[in-house]
Amino acid sequence: MTLHIPFDNSYATLPPRFFARQVASSVPAPRMIAWNDALAAELGITGGPDADVFAGNAVPDGAAPLAQVYAGHQFGGFSPQLGDGRALLLGEVVDRHGIHRDIQLKGSGPTPYSRRGDGKSWLGPVLREYILSEFMYAAGVPTTRALAAVATGETVYRDAPLPGGVLTRVAASHIRVGTFQYFAARQDVDALRALYDYTRARHFPDAETPLDLLEQVIAAQARLVAAWMATGFIHGVMNTDNTSLSGETIDYGPAAFIDVYHPQTVYSSIDRQGRYAYDNQANIIVWNMAQLASCLVPLAEDTQAPIEPFTAAVHAMPDLIRTEWRRAFGRKIGLRDAGPQDEAMISDLLDRMTAARADFTNTFAAMADGKPRDWFNDPALFDTWEAGWRKRLEAEENPAAVMRAVNPLMIPRNHLVEQVIAAAVDGDEAPFHALLVAGSHPFDTPPERFTRPPEPHEVVAATFCGT
């Protein structure tokens, strides 16, 4: 059956300065590595995978391929023009829930925004994002998703010659804080208004004013970052161009998951100052929302005093994040709706986990069975916390069920991801598929090798973006 994608494109109707139209670069020998049947069905795609389409060699009927332009703060420094340097938006579909979803090729060749890059991806980042994004979806964290992974049959040069690949990413949209920054930096108020109207219609239809939109974006980002922290996830590059207005996790470059818990954990090789460390993510998202607020101020209806309400919305965000964090971690220890009085107990547990070098995922996975002390190198640190916790659980109904519903039994541990990438480069893709299956069902009991923390020689100290 011929592949059919029911495109219903809207971003391509925006003014031409929002994007550059082009097609992908051709590749010599495309081959499907992975295809997400369930997601394809959700998107109304029929006819099965087509390696030529998802490598970029063929443009499917109804597609309107384009590279989106945007700006962004990268590690605090502003770049007035970035954009899709190695990606193309094929178009959009309306899924079975009536929601517009983007279909994007990543690693499909250079665009006008490539900044002297080759626009290609090697296989490693393709497999990493496929595994991590599908795990995050299964774990209940808002995220972009992976539809297809294709080996291109070409060699991509980084530090060494490597096999090329293309990922097909599905997103609620690819509108970023940096998209607004691009037009704000140019004082292009007409484009800002068009982008605001488009974003409101697509994501926040009940936002009647720019301030309403900002507040709704802030709420979505607060939920997202709290979910990241409750999963032990570190994004690694929380630049404004990697902050999606839809509230989804986007761009899994040097992203990683904590093994031994420590709040200042950093994996990204390019984050030398710890700007995007685990515990700083809540601060950085507030900073990113301040940048969005500054872009929306020119659209404010109150032209006499437009800044104060936007400032107030941003200043209220830390308390909102704290509330979402408390709820997320409360459920991890069996509390259906943790209140302010529970914060000290949660924080005390995390402090003790830090002191005891406890494995983050396994400690919380063991909570429902009452065995987290096994993951403390000094079990007494857990024992002296346990009594207060158990007393608090007496007020809860079936706390074990609450914990089992939110505490994954496995994560795509950094060393496992690196191992499956290395195996795939050597021609063995079976480990990739095994980890993908386990990560797509993180609340089911996985093989022991997927729950075991890394041995000292397996520890991954740094992760890389792969561009």
Protein backbone atom coordinates (compact mmCIF):
# COMPACT_ATOMS: atom_id res chain seq x y z
CA MET A 1 0.00 0.00 0.00
CA THR A 2 1.30 3.44 -0.92
CA LEU A 3 2.22 5.71 1.97
CA HIS A 4 -0.41 8.37 2.61
CA ILE A 5 0.02 11.26 5.07
CA PRO A 6 -3.14 13.40 5.43
CA PHE A 7 -1.40 16.79 5.50
CA ASP A 8 -3.32 19.84 6.71
CA ASN A 9 -0.64 22.51 6.70
CA SER A 10 -1.04 25.84 8.46
CA TYR A 11 2.43 27.17 9.33
CA ALA A 12 3.19 27.44 5.62
CA THR A 13 0.39 30.03 5.34
CA LEU A 14 2.31 32.50 7.54
CA PRO A 15 4.30 35.30 5.83
CA PRO A 16 7.39 34.17 3.89
CA ARG A 17 9.79 35.72 6.42
CA PHE A 18 8.82 32.99 8.90
CA PHE A 19 10.61 30.23 6.97
CA ALA A 20 12.54 29.12 3.91
CA ARG A 21 10.95 26.62 1.53
CA GLN A 22 13.19 23.83 0.31
CA VAL A 23 13.51 20.07 -0.01
CA ALA A 24 15.84 17.69 1.79
CA SER A 25 19.21 16.56 0.49
CA SER A 26 19.17 13.18 -1.19
CA VAL A 27 20.95 10.21 0.41
CA PRO A 28 22.40 7.14 -1.30
CA ALA A 29 20.83 4.14 0.43
CA PRO A 30 17.98 4.84 2.88
CA ARG A 31 16.95 1.98 5.15
CA MET A 32 14.29 1.92 7.86
CA ILE A 33 15.62 1.18 11.34
CA ALA A 34 12.48 1.87 13.35
CA TRP A 35 8.87 2.76 12.60
CA ASN A 36 6.27 3.76 15.19
CA ASP A 37 3.10 1.98 14.07
CA ALA A 38 0.99 3.22 16.98
CA LEU A 39 1.96 6.85 16.43
CA ALA A 40 1.41 6.54 12.68
CA ALA A 41 -2.13 5.29 13.33
CA GLU A 42 -2.73 8.17 15.75
CA LEU A 43 -1.69 10.59 13.00
CA GLY A 44 -3.89 8.97 10.35
CA ILE A 45 -0.88 7.80 8.31
CA THR A 46 -1.56 4.74 6.20
CA GLY A 47 0.51 2.57 3.88
CA GLY A 48 3.40 1.80 6.17
CA PRO A 49 6.93 3.22 6.23
CA ASP A 50 8.71 4.49 3.16
CA ALA A 51 12.45 4.88 3.66
CA ASP A 52 12.78 7.30 0.75
CA VAL A 53 10.21 9.67 2.24
CA PHE A 54 11.60 9.56 5.77
CA ALA A 55 15.18 9.99 4.59
CA GLY A 56 14.18 13.00 2.49
CA ASN A 57 14.67 11.49 -0.97
CA ALA A 58 10.99 11.78 -1.88
CA VAL A 59 8.45 14.48 -1.04
CA PRO A 60 5.09 12.95 -0.14
CA ASP A 61 1.90 14.31 -1.68
CA GLY A 62 0.57 17.30 0.24
CA ALA A 63 3.84 18.10 2.00
CA ALA A 64 5.10 21.69 2.16
CA PRO A 65 8.71 21.27 3.30
CA LEU A 66 10.25 24.30 4.96
CA ALA A 67 12.89 25.32 7.47
CA GLN A 68 11.65 27.56 10.26
CA VAL A 69 13.59 30.63 11.33
CA TYR A 70 14.06 31.66 14.96
CA ALA A 71 16.57 33.31 17.28
CA GLY A 72 17.57 32.37 20.80
CA HIS A 73 19.64 32.78 23.92
CA GLN A 74 22.25 30.03 23.94
CA PHE A 75 23.87 29.67 27.37
CA GLY A 76 22.78 33.24 28.08
CA GLY A 77 24.19 34.82 24.92
CA PHE A 78 21.72 36.05 22.32
CA SER A 79 21.95 34.89 18.70
CA PRO A 80 19.61 37.04 16.56
CA GLN A 81 19.26 34.38 13.86
CA LEU A 82 19.28 30.64 14.31
CA GLY A 83 16.65 28.45 12.68
CA ASP A 84 16.32 24.88 11.47
CA GLY A 85 19.88 24.23 10.42
CA ARG A 86 19.44 20.52 9.89
CA ALA A 87 15.70 19.99 9.91
CA LEU A 88 12.70 20.42 7.65
CA LEU A 89 9.05 20.64 8.58
CA LEU A 90 7.33 18.33 6.08
CA GLY A 91 3.94 19.61 7.16
CA GLU A 92 1.17 19.04 9.67
CA VAL A 93 -1.61 16.54 10.21
CA VAL A 94 -4.70 16.64 12.40
CA ASP A 95 -4.51 13.61 14.67
CA ARG A 96 -7.38 11.44 15.83
CA HIS A 97 -7.91 13.80 18.79
CA GLY A 98 -8.35 16.78 16.46
CA ILE A 99 -4.95 18.27 17.33
CA HIS A 100 -2.53 19.65 14.76
CA ARG A 101 0.83 17.86 14.91
CA ASP A 102 4.04 18.73 13.06
CA ILE A 103 6.00 16.10 11.14
CA GLN A 104 9.65 17.09 10.87
CA LEU A 105 12.75 15.48 9.40
CA LYS A 106 15.90 15.94 11.52
CA GLY A 107 19.26 15.50 9.84
CA SER A 108 17.93 16.05 6.33
CA GLY A 109 20.66 18.37 5.05
CA PRO A 110 21.68 22.04 5.08
CA THR A 111 19.25 24.95 5.02
CA PRO A 112 19.77 28.74 4.81
CA TYR A 113 20.05 28.64 8.63
CA SER A 114 22.80 26.00 8.87
CA ARG A 115 25.56 28.48 9.75
CA ARG A 116 28.22 26.57 7.81
CA GLY A 117 27.07 23.20 9.20
CA ASP A 118 26.44 20.19 7.01
CA GLY A 119 22.82 19.85 8.11
CA LYS A 120 23.26 16.13 8.59
CA SER A 121 22.92 13.88 11.58
CA TRP A 122 24.92 10.82 12.39
CA LEU A 123 23.12 7.76 13.65
CA GLY A 124 23.83 8.32 17.36
CA PRO A 125 21.59 11.37 17.95
CA VAL A 126 18.82 9.74 15.91
CA LEU A 127 18.75 6.63 18.09
CA ARG A 128 19.19 8.65 21.29
CA GLU A 129 16.21 10.89 20.59
CA TYR A 130 14.06 7.97 19.48
CA ILE A 131 14.70 6.07 22.71
CA LEU A 132 14.48 9.05 25.08
CA SER A 133 11.41 10.69 23.59
CA GLU A 134 9.43 7.44 23.51
CA PHE A 135 10.41 6.72 27.11
CA MET A 136 9.30 10.19 28.18
CA TYR A 137 5.96 9.72 26.44
CA ALA A 138 5.43 6.37 28.15
CA ALA A 139 6.43 7.89 31.51
CA GLY A 140 3.79 10.59 31.12
CA VAL A 141 6.14 13.53 30.50
CA PRO A 142 5.01 15.95 27.74
CA THR A 143 7.33 15.42 24.80
CA THR A 144 7.86 15.38 21.10
CA ARG A 145 7.77 11.86 19.71
CA ALA A 146 9.65 9.70 17.23
CA LEU A 147 7.86 8.38 14.16
CA ALA A 148 10.76 6.92 12.17
CA ALA A 149 14.51 6.37 12.21
CA VAL A 150 16.33 5.86 8.93
CA ALA A 151 19.92 4.96 8.14
CA THR A 152 21.00 6.96 5.10
CA GLY A 153 23.86 4.88 3.77
CA GLU A 154 26.16 7.88 3.76
CA THR A 155 29.10 8.83 5.94
CA VAL A 156 28.85 11.87 8.20
CA TYR A 157 32.06 13.39 9.51
CA ARG A 158 32.32 14.54 13.11
CA ASP A 159 35.38 13.62 15.16
CA ALA A 160 35.46 10.50 13.00
CA PRO A 161 33.56 9.15 10.00
CA LEU A 162 30.17 7.91 11.20
CA PRO A 163 27.03 6.42 9.64
CA GLY A 164 24.34 8.94 8.79
CA GLY A 165 20.73 8.90 9.93
CA VAL A 166 17.49 10.89 9.83
CA LEU A 167 14.88 11.06 12.57
CA THR A 168 11.25 11.90 11.91
CA ARG A 169 9.99 13.92 14.87
CA VAL A 170 6.37 14.64 15.71
CA ALA A 171 5.53 17.71 17.80
CA ALA A 172 2.49 19.68 18.85
CA SER A 173 4.36 22.44 17.02
CA HIS A 174 7.88 23.77 16.68
CA ILE A 175 7.03 27.29 17.89
CA ARG A 176 9.75 28.28 20.34
CA VAL A 177 10.49 31.22 22.61
CA GLY A 178 13.20 31.90 20.06
CA THR A 179 10.60 32.22 17.31
CA PHE A 180 9.13 35.22 19.12
CA GLN A 181 12.61 36.53 19.86
CA TYR A 182 13.52 36.54 16.17
CA PHE A 183 10.80 39.03 15.30
CA ALA A 184 11.06 41.01 18.53
CA ALA A 185 14.77 41.60 17.88
CA ARG A 186 13.83 43.08 14.50
CA GLN A 187 11.01 45.16 16.02
CA ASP A 188 8.72 43.48 13.50
CA VAL A 189 5.47 44.01 15.38
CA ASP A 190 3.35 42.85 12.45
CA ALA A 191 5.13 39.50 12.45
CA LEU A 192 4.89 39.29 16.25
CA ARG A 193 1.16 39.85 16.00
CA ALA A 194 0.81 37.19 13.31
CA LEU A 195 2.85 34.73 15.39
CA TYR A 196 0.86 35.51 18.52
CA ASP A 197 -2.43 35.01 16.69
CA TYR A 198 -1.20 31.75 15.19
CA THR A 199 0.12 30.43 18.52
CA ARG A 200 -3.06 31.36 20.32
CA ALA A 201 -5.24 29.65 17.72
CA ARG A 202 -3.11 26.51 17.67
CA HIS A 203 -2.33 26.04 21.37
CA PHE A 204 -4.18 28.50 23.61
CA PRO A 205 -7.54 29.35 22.00
CA ASP A 206 -8.96 30.77 25.22
CA ALA A 207 -6.06 33.22 25.66
CA GLU A 208 -7.76 36.54 24.96
CA THR A 209 -4.68 38.72 25.43
CA PRO A 210 -0.89 38.39 25.17
CA LEU A 211 -0.76 38.33 28.97
CA ASP A 212 -3.21 35.41 29.00
CA LEU A 213 -0.99 33.56 26.55
CA LEU A 214 2.10 34.21 28.67
CA GLU A 215 0.37 32.93 31.80
CA GLN A 216 -0.78 29.77 30.05
CA VAL A 217 2.68 29.12 28.62
CA ILE A 218 4.16 29.66 32.09
CA ALA A 219 1.73 27.13 33.58
CA ALA A 220 2.63 24.55 30.92
CA GLN A 221 6.37 25.08 31.44
CA ALA A 222 6.03 24.79 35.22
CA ARG A 223 4.31 21.41 34.83
CA LEU A 224 6.93 20.28 32.33
CA VAL A 225 9.99 21.14 34.41
CA ALA A 226 8.46 19.58 37.51
CA ALA A 227 7.87 16.41 35.48
CA TRP A 228 11.48 16.47 34.29
CA MET A 229 12.78 16.72 37.83
CA ALA A 230 10.48 13.97 39.08
CA THR A 231 11.88 11.70 36.36
CA GLY A 232 15.49 12.58 37.11
CA PHE A 233 15.82 14.15 33.67
CA ILE A 234 18.36 16.81 32.71
CA HIS A 235 17.68 18.56 29.41
CA GLY A 236 21.21 19.84 29.03
CA VAL A 237 20.52 22.73 26.62
CA MET A 238 17.58 24.77 27.92
CA ASN A 239 18.28 27.57 25.48
CA THR A 240 15.29 29.70 24.51
CA ASP A 241 15.36 28.17 21.05
CA ASN A 242 14.86 24.79 22.73
CA THR A 243 11.86 25.95 24.76
CA SER A 244 8.65 24.99 22.98
CA LEU A 245 5.58 27.11 23.68
CA SER A 246 3.40 24.00 23.60
CA GLY A 247 5.01 22.78 26.83
CA GLU A 248 6.64 19.71 25.31
CA THR A 249 10.17 18.44 25.85
CA ILE A 250 12.01 19.23 22.62
CA ASP A 251 15.57 18.55 21.41
CA TYR A 252 17.26 15.61 23.12
CA GLY A 253 20.85 16.55 22.33
CA PRO A 254 23.01 16.03 25.44
CA ALA A 255 19.93 15.07 27.50
CA ALA A 256 20.50 12.50 30.24
CA PHE A 257 19.00 10.88 33.34
CA ILE A 258 20.49 10.94 36.82
CA ASP A 259 21.93 7.69 38.16
CA VAL A 260 23.34 8.55 41.60
CA TYR A 261 21.27 11.45 42.84
CA HIS A 262 22.91 14.81 43.31
CA PRO A 263 21.04 18.07 42.69
CA GLN A 264 23.95 19.77 40.92
CA THR A 265 24.41 16.98 38.39
CA VAL A 266 25.52 18.08 34.92
CA TYR A 267 26.12 15.78 31.94
CA SER A 268 26.22 18.08 28.93
CA SER A 269 29.78 18.46 27.69
CA ILE A 270 29.10 22.05 26.62
CA ASP A 271 27.55 23.16 29.93
CA ARG A 272 30.84 23.97 31.61
CA GLN A 273 29.35 26.37 34.16
CA GLY A 274 26.42 24.19 35.20
CA ARG A 275 23.86 26.63 33.84
CA TYR A 276 21.50 23.77 33.02
CA ALA A 277 22.28 21.51 35.98
CA TYR A 278 19.45 19.35 37.32
CA ASP A 279 18.45 21.67 40.15
CA ASN A 280 18.90 24.85 38.10
CA GLN A 281 16.31 23.90 35.49
CA ALA A 282 13.54 25.47 37.56
CA ASN A 283 15.44 28.77 37.62
CA ILE A 284 16.31 28.73 33.94
CA ILE A 285 12.75 28.19 32.78
CA VAL A 286 11.75 31.34 34.67
CA TRP A 287 14.54 33.21 32.90
CA ASN A 288 13.33 31.85 29.56
CA MET A 289 9.78 32.97 30.30
CA ALA A 290 11.09 36.45 31.08
CA GLN A 291 12.51 36.53 27.55
CA LEU A 292 9.14 35.51 26.13
CA ALA A 293 7.42 38.17 28.23
CA SER A 294 9.68 40.87 26.81
CA CYS A 295 8.67 39.79 23.29
CA LEU A 296 4.97 39.99 24.10
CA VAL A 297 5.07 43.42 25.76
CA PRO A 298 4.86 45.28 22.40
CA LEU A 299 1.52 43.55 21.79
CA ALA A 300 0.03 44.63 25.11
CA GLU A 301 -3.24 46.51 24.95
CA ASP A 302 -2.29 48.68 27.94
CA THR A 303 0.26 50.86 26.19
CA GLN A 304 0.60 53.15 29.21
CA ALA A 305 1.89 50.57 31.66
CA PRO A 306 2.44 47.31 29.75
CA ILE A 307 5.40 45.91 31.66
CA GLU A 308 4.04 45.50 35.19
CA PRO A 309 1.54 42.66 34.62
CA PHE A 310 4.02 40.72 32.50
CA THR A 311 6.65 41.12 35.20
CA ALA A 312 4.20 39.97 37.84
CA ALA A 313 3.39 36.83 35.84
CA VAL A 314 7.07 35.92 35.58
CA HIS A 315 7.71 36.68 39.26
CA ALA A 316 4.84 34.37 40.23
CA MET A 317 6.37 31.45 38.35
CA PRO A 318 8.80 30.11 41.01
CA ASP A 319 5.90 29.50 43.41
CA LEU A 320 3.97 27.79 40.62
CA ILE A 321 6.93 25.52 39.85
CA ARG A 322 7.32 24.76 43.55
CA THR A 323 3.68 23.68 43.73
CA GLU A 324 4.02 21.43 40.68
CA TRP A 325 7.30 20.01 42.04
CA ARG A 326 5.71 19.26 45.39
CA ARG A 327 2.76 17.48 43.76
CA ALA A 328 5.00 15.45 41.48
CA PHE A 329 7.38 14.34 44.23
CA GLY A 330 4.49 13.85 46.64
CA ARG A 331 3.04 11.21 44.34
CA LYS A 332 6.46 9.57 44.12
CA ILE A 333 6.26 8.88 47.86
CA GLY A 334 2.56 7.96 47.86
CA LEU A 335 0.80 11.30 48.50
CA ARG A 336 -2.04 11.97 46.07
CA ASP A 337 -1.98 15.72 46.68
CA ALA A 338 1.01 16.82 48.71
CA GLY A 339 0.58 20.12 50.50
CA PRO A 340 3.05 22.75 51.73
CA GLN A 341 3.38 20.83 54.98
CA ASP A 342 4.88 17.91 53.04
CA GLU A 343 7.70 19.87 51.41
CA ALA A 344 10.14 19.49 54.27
CA MET A 345 9.72 15.71 54.27
CA ILE A 346 10.30 15.49 50.50
CA SER A 347 13.33 17.77 50.64
CA ASP A 348 14.75 15.84 53.58
CA LEU A 349 14.52 12.59 51.61
CA LEU A 350 16.35 14.12 48.66
CA ASP A 351 19.05 15.50 50.95
CA ARG A 352 19.51 12.06 52.46
CA MET A 353 19.64 10.49 49.00
CA THR A 354 22.41 12.92 48.10
CA ALA A 355 24.38 12.07 51.22
CA ALA A 356 23.87 8.32 50.70
CA ARG A 357 24.64 8.39 46.97
CA ALA A 358 21.30 6.71 46.33
CA ASP A 359 20.26 5.72 42.82
CA PHE A 360 17.41 8.10 41.90
CA THR A 361 15.22 5.78 39.83
CA ASN A 362 15.70 2.62 41.88
CA THR A 363 15.13 4.39 45.18
CA PHE A 364 11.72 5.65 44.13
CA ALA A 365 10.85 2.42 42.30
CA ALA A 366 11.42 0.58 45.60
CA MET A 367 9.15 2.92 47.58
CA ALA A 368 5.96 0.96 46.92
CA ASP A 369 7.53 -2.19 48.36
CA GLY A 370 9.12 -0.35 51.26
CA LYS A 371 12.68 -1.26 50.25
CA PRO A 372 14.39 1.99 49.22
CA ARG A 373 16.96 1.58 52.00
CA ASP A 374 18.64 -1.02 49.81
CA TRP A 375 19.83 1.81 47.54
CA PHE A 376 21.39 3.91 50.33
CA ASN A 377 25.08 3.32 50.99
CA ASP A 378 24.18 4.20 54.59
CA PRO A 379 20.74 2.62 55.20
CA ALA A 380 20.42 4.44 58.51
CA LEU A 381 19.88 7.65 56.55
CA PHE A 382 16.68 6.15 55.20
CA ASP A 383 15.67 4.43 58.42
CA THR A 384 15.62 7.67 60.40
CA TRP A 385 13.38 9.26 57.74
CA GLU A 386 11.04 6.31 57.31
CA ALA A 387 8.98 6.63 60.48
CA GLY A 388 7.67 10.09 59.66
CA TRP A 389 6.87 9.00 56.10
CA ARG A 390 4.93 5.95 57.19
CA LYS A 391 3.00 8.03 59.71
CA ARG A 392 2.08 10.44 56.92
CA LEU A 393 0.92 7.58 54.67
CA GLU A 394 -1.67 6.54 57.23
CA ALA A 395 -3.83 9.38 55.91
CA GLU A 396 -3.57 8.16 52.29
CA GLU A 397 -5.68 5.60 50.45
CA ASN A 398 -3.65 2.91 48.68
CA PRO A 399 -0.39 4.88 48.52
CA ALA A 400 1.44 1.94 46.91
CA ALA A 401 -0.79 2.27 43.84
CA VAL A 402 -0.01 5.99 43.67
CA MET A 403 3.72 5.27 43.76
CA ARG A 404 3.59 2.46 41.19
CA ALA A 405 1.71 4.71 38.78
CA VAL A 406 4.42 7.38 38.69
CA ASN A 407 7.73 5.70 39.52
CA PRO A 408 9.22 3.99 36.45
CA LEU A 409 11.07 0.78 37.08
CA MET A 410 13.67 1.70 34.48
CA ILE A 411 15.01 4.66 32.57
CA PRO A 412 17.15 4.77 29.42
CA ARG A 413 20.31 4.98 31.47
CA ASN A 414 23.09 6.93 29.86
CA HIS A 415 25.48 3.99 29.65
CA LEU A 416 22.80 1.81 28.04
CA VAL A 417 22.06 4.45 25.41
CA GLU A 418 25.74 4.76 24.61
CA GLN A 419 26.06 0.98 24.38
CA VAL A 420 23.19 0.59 21.92
CA ILE A 421 24.55 3.44 19.78
CA ALA A 422 27.99 1.79 19.69
CA ALA A 423 26.43 -1.54 18.76
CA ALA A 424 24.37 0.06 15.98
CA VAL A 425 27.44 1.77 14.54
CA ASP A 426 29.01 -1.69 14.41
CA GLY A 427 25.97 -3.03 12.58
CA ASP A 428 24.01 -4.59 15.44
CA GLU A 429 20.67 -2.83 15.96
CA ALA A 430 19.13 -5.50 18.22
CA PRO A 431 20.25 -3.76 21.46
CA PHE A 432 18.58 -0.54 20.27
CA HIS A 433 15.27 -2.32 19.73
CA ALA A 434 15.50 -4.12 23.07
CA LEU A 435 16.08 -0.88 24.98
CA LEU A 436 13.35 0.86 23.00
CA VAL A 437 10.81 -1.85 23.91
CA ALA A 438 11.72 -1.72 27.60
CA GLY A 439 11.73 2.07 27.68
CA SER A 440 8.33 2.21 26.02
CA HIS A 441 6.89 0.20 28.95
CA PRO A 442 8.76 1.68 31.92
CA PHE A 443 6.22 0.60 34.55
CA ASP A 444 6.46 -3.07 33.56
CA THR A 445 9.16 -5.23 35.10
CA PRO A 446 12.11 -5.03 32.71
CA PRO A 447 15.10 -7.33 32.33
CA GLU A 448 17.52 -6.80 35.21
CA ARG A 449 20.19 -5.33 32.94
CA PHE A 450 17.94 -2.31 32.34
CA THR A 451 17.54 -1.53 36.05
CA ARG A 452 21.13 -2.04 37.14
CA PRO A 453 23.09 1.18 37.73
CA PRO A 454 26.31 1.47 35.75
CA GLU A 455 29.45 -0.17 36.99
CA PRO A 456 32.29 2.31 37.62
CA HIS A 457 33.80 1.61 34.20
CA GLU A 458 30.38 2.15 32.54
CA VAL A 459 29.61 5.57 34.01
CA VAL A 460 28.89 8.22 31.37
CA ALA A 461 30.30 11.49 32.68
CA ALA A 462 29.50 13.64 29.65
CA THR A 463 26.91 13.66 26.90
CA PHE A 464 27.15 15.41 23.55
CA CYS A 465 24.72 17.14 21.19
CA GLY A 466 26.05 15.34 18.12
CA THR A 467 25.89 18.26 15.69
